[in-house]
Amino acid sequence: MTVVDEPVTSSSLYLEVQQFYARHMQLLDSGRAGEWAETFTEDAVFAPEHAPEPTVGRAALAAAVQRSHEKLVADGEVRRHWHGMVDVAPGPDGTVRVRCYALIVGTRVGGTPGVLMSCVCEDVMVRGADGGLLVRERRVTKDGVAAPVLP
């Protein structure tokens, strides 16, 4: 996916995307794996560049998040995902392309919060049957994995 240079044409779409991420990340961080997975299309692809293979489909996404959350609880750690600098571009095909910066903050019980990861998140979103946004494809580029590239 490439960065789209067209500005957002609707402030309501921008607000909708912001609200989507607010709910989406709170579901993730609270361990509500099944509900979080429902914010993706049935055949969604989640592809972090630092993972050996992408995760494909809601069931696989839910299972992966459930395992991660159970491990965090056992380890006494809370994670918070923060999306900012959100750039929204509606596509001519009805998709919505979103590129944003994401931070993952971890805090162990009795500890101090720390940034665990800084990355770029690029989503392709589509409308679900109810008209709401769903993530069809997510690419995550972790800072520090590869050298920066000039535009």
Protein backbone atom coordinates (compact mmCIF):
# COMPACT_ATOMS: atom_id res chain seq x y z
CA MET A 1 0.00 0.00 0.00
CA THR A 2 1.23 3.50 -0.70
CA VAL A 3 0.46 6.78 0.95
CA VAL A 4 -2.40 8.55 -0.79
CA ASP A 5 -1.83 12.28 -1.20
CA GLU A 6 -5.49 13.23 -1.61
CA PRO A 7 -7.02 15.11 1.33
CA VAL A 8 -9.99 13.81 3.26
CA THR A 9 -13.16 14.97 1.54
CA SER A 10 -15.44 14.62 4.55
CA SER A 11 -14.90 15.61 8.17
CA SER A 12 -17.62 13.10 9.12
CA LEU A 13 -15.54 10.26 7.58
CA TYR A 14 -12.48 11.42 9.50
CA LEU A 15 -14.44 11.45 12.75
CA GLU A 16 -15.90 8.03 11.95
CA VAL A 17 -12.40 6.60 11.48
CA GLN A 18 -11.21 8.19 14.75
CA GLN A 19 -14.19 6.72 16.62
CA PHE A 20 -13.58 3.33 14.97
CA TYR A 21 -9.98 3.28 16.25
CA ALA A 22 -11.01 4.42 19.73
CA ARG A 23 -13.40 1.49 20.08
CA HIS A 24 -11.18 -0.94 18.17
CA MET A 25 -8.13 -0.35 20.39
CA GLN A 26 -10.13 -0.38 23.61
CA LEU A 27 -11.58 -3.77 22.66
CA LEU A 28 -8.06 -5.03 21.95
CA ASP A 29 -6.53 -3.70 25.14
CA SER A 30 -9.34 -5.02 27.33
CA GLY A 31 -8.92 -8.55 25.94
CA ARG A 32 -12.29 -8.67 24.17
CA ALA A 33 -10.73 -10.71 21.37
CA GLY A 34 -13.92 -11.87 19.67
CA GLU A 35 -15.45 -8.40 19.58
CA TRP A 36 -12.15 -6.93 18.34
CA ALA A 37 -11.95 -9.54 15.56
CA GLU A 38 -15.50 -8.56 14.49
CA THR A 39 -14.08 -5.16 13.47
CA PHE A 40 -12.28 -6.94 10.60
CA THR A 41 -13.77 -8.51 7.49
CA GLU A 42 -14.21 -12.29 7.61
CA ASP A 43 -11.16 -12.77 5.34
CA ALA A 44 -9.05 -9.89 6.70
CA VAL A 45 -5.26 -9.94 6.44
CA PHE A 46 -3.17 -8.59 9.33
CA ALA A 47 0.46 -8.36 8.20
CA PRO A 48 3.08 -6.92 10.54
CA GLU A 49 6.40 -6.81 8.68
CA HIS A 50 8.22 -8.23 11.71
CA ALA A 51 6.04 -11.39 11.79
CA PRO A 52 6.99 -14.39 9.68
CA GLU A 53 3.48 -14.76 8.21
CA PRO A 54 0.33 -12.63 8.14
CA THR A 55 -2.67 -13.62 10.22
CA VAL A 56 -5.69 -14.24 7.99
CA GLY A 57 -9.36 -14.31 9.00
CA ARG A 58 -11.41 -13.32 12.02
CA ALA A 59 -11.05 -16.64 13.82
CA ALA A 60 -7.26 -16.56 13.61
CA LEU A 61 -7.19 -12.91 14.70
CA ALA A 62 -9.41 -13.61 17.71
CA ALA A 63 -7.34 -16.62 18.75
CA ALA A 64 -4.06 -14.70 18.49
CA VAL A 65 -5.38 -11.79 20.55
CA GLN A 66 -6.88 -14.13 23.15
CA ARG A 67 -3.52 -15.91 23.59
CA SER A 68 -1.65 -12.61 23.84
CA HIS A 69 -4.07 -11.16 26.36
CA GLU A 70 -3.96 -14.28 28.55
CA LYS A 71 -0.14 -14.11 28.60
CA LEU A 72 -0.21 -10.41 29.50
CA VAL A 73 -2.62 -11.06 32.37
CA ALA A 74 -0.43 -13.91 33.62
CA ASP A 75 2.63 -11.64 33.41
CA GLY A 76 0.85 -8.77 35.19
CA GLU A 77 1.16 -6.38 32.27
CA VAL A 78 -1.31 -3.93 30.75
CA ARG A 79 -0.94 -2.83 27.12
CA ARG A 80 -2.36 0.27 25.50
CA HIS A 81 -2.39 0.88 21.75
CA TRP A 82 -2.44 4.51 20.65
CA HIS A 83 -3.15 5.62 17.07
CA GLY A 84 -2.35 9.20 16.13
CA MET A 85 -1.49 11.41 13.16
CA VAL A 86 -4.33 9.68 11.32
CA ASP A 87 -4.48 10.35 7.56
CA VAL A 88 -7.75 9.26 5.92
CA ALA A 89 -8.22 8.95 2.17
CA PRO A 90 -11.43 7.65 0.58
CA GLY A 91 -10.70 5.52 -2.48
CA PRO A 92 -12.55 5.61 -5.80
CA ASP A 93 -13.53 1.96 -5.24
CA GLY A 94 -15.34 2.71 -1.98
CA THR A 95 -12.46 1.69 0.26
CA VAL A 96 -11.05 3.97 2.92
CA ARG A 97 -7.27 4.02 3.21
CA VAL A 98 -5.86 5.04 6.55
CA ARG A 99 -2.24 5.62 7.49
CA CYS A 100 -1.32 6.50 11.05
CA TYR A 101 1.39 6.27 13.64
CA ALA A 102 0.87 3.76 16.41
CA LEU A 103 2.49 3.42 19.80
CA ILE A 104 2.20 0.41 22.08
CA VAL A 105 2.72 1.22 25.75
CA GLY A 106 3.26 -1.50 28.34
CA THR A 107 2.96 -1.21 32.11
CA ARG A 108 3.71 -4.01 34.55
CA VAL A 109 1.89 -3.97 37.89
CA GLY A 110 3.79 -1.56 40.12
CA GLY A 111 5.94 -0.46 37.19
CA THR A 112 6.41 2.55 35.01
CA PRO A 113 4.79 2.76 31.58
CA GLY A 114 7.17 2.35 28.65
CA VAL A 115 6.86 2.53 24.88
CA LEU A 116 7.29 -1.02 23.58
CA MET A 117 6.84 -0.28 19.90
CA SER A 118 6.52 2.62 17.52
CA CYS A 119 5.19 1.83 14.07
CA VAL A 120 3.19 2.90 11.04
CA CYS A 121 -0.19 1.26 10.61
CA GLU A 122 -1.80 1.21 7.15
CA ASP A 123 -5.36 -0.03 6.89
CA VAL A 124 -7.69 -0.65 3.98
CA MET A 125 -11.21 -0.35 5.32
CA VAL A 126 -14.52 -1.26 3.72
CA ARG A 127 -18.16 -0.93 4.68
CA GLY A 128 -19.78 -3.90 6.38
CA ALA A 129 -23.37 -5.05 5.86
CA ASP A 130 -24.54 -2.60 8.55
CA GLY A 131 -22.69 0.29 6.89
CA GLY A 132 -19.97 0.47 9.54
CA LEU A 133 -16.25 0.34 8.83
CA LEU A 134 -14.29 -2.91 8.88
CA VAL A 135 -10.58 -3.49 8.37
CA ARG A 136 -9.96 -5.63 5.28
CA GLU A 137 -6.18 -5.34 5.32
CA ARG A 138 -3.69 -4.07 7.89
CA ARG A 139 0.03 -3.61 7.31
CA VAL A 140 2.25 -2.66 10.23
CA THR A 141 5.77 -1.35 9.70
CA LYS A 142 7.75 -1.39 12.93
CA ASP A 143 10.22 1.44 13.39
CA GLY A 144 13.82 0.25 13.62
CA VAL A 145 13.40 -2.91 11.51
CA ALA A 146 14.76 -1.37 8.31
CA ALA A 147 16.59 1.82 7.43
CA PRO A 148 14.37 4.80 6.62
CA VAL A 149 13.66 5.40 2.93
CA LEU A 150 13.62 8.82 1.33
CA PRO A 151 10.30 9.71 -0.31
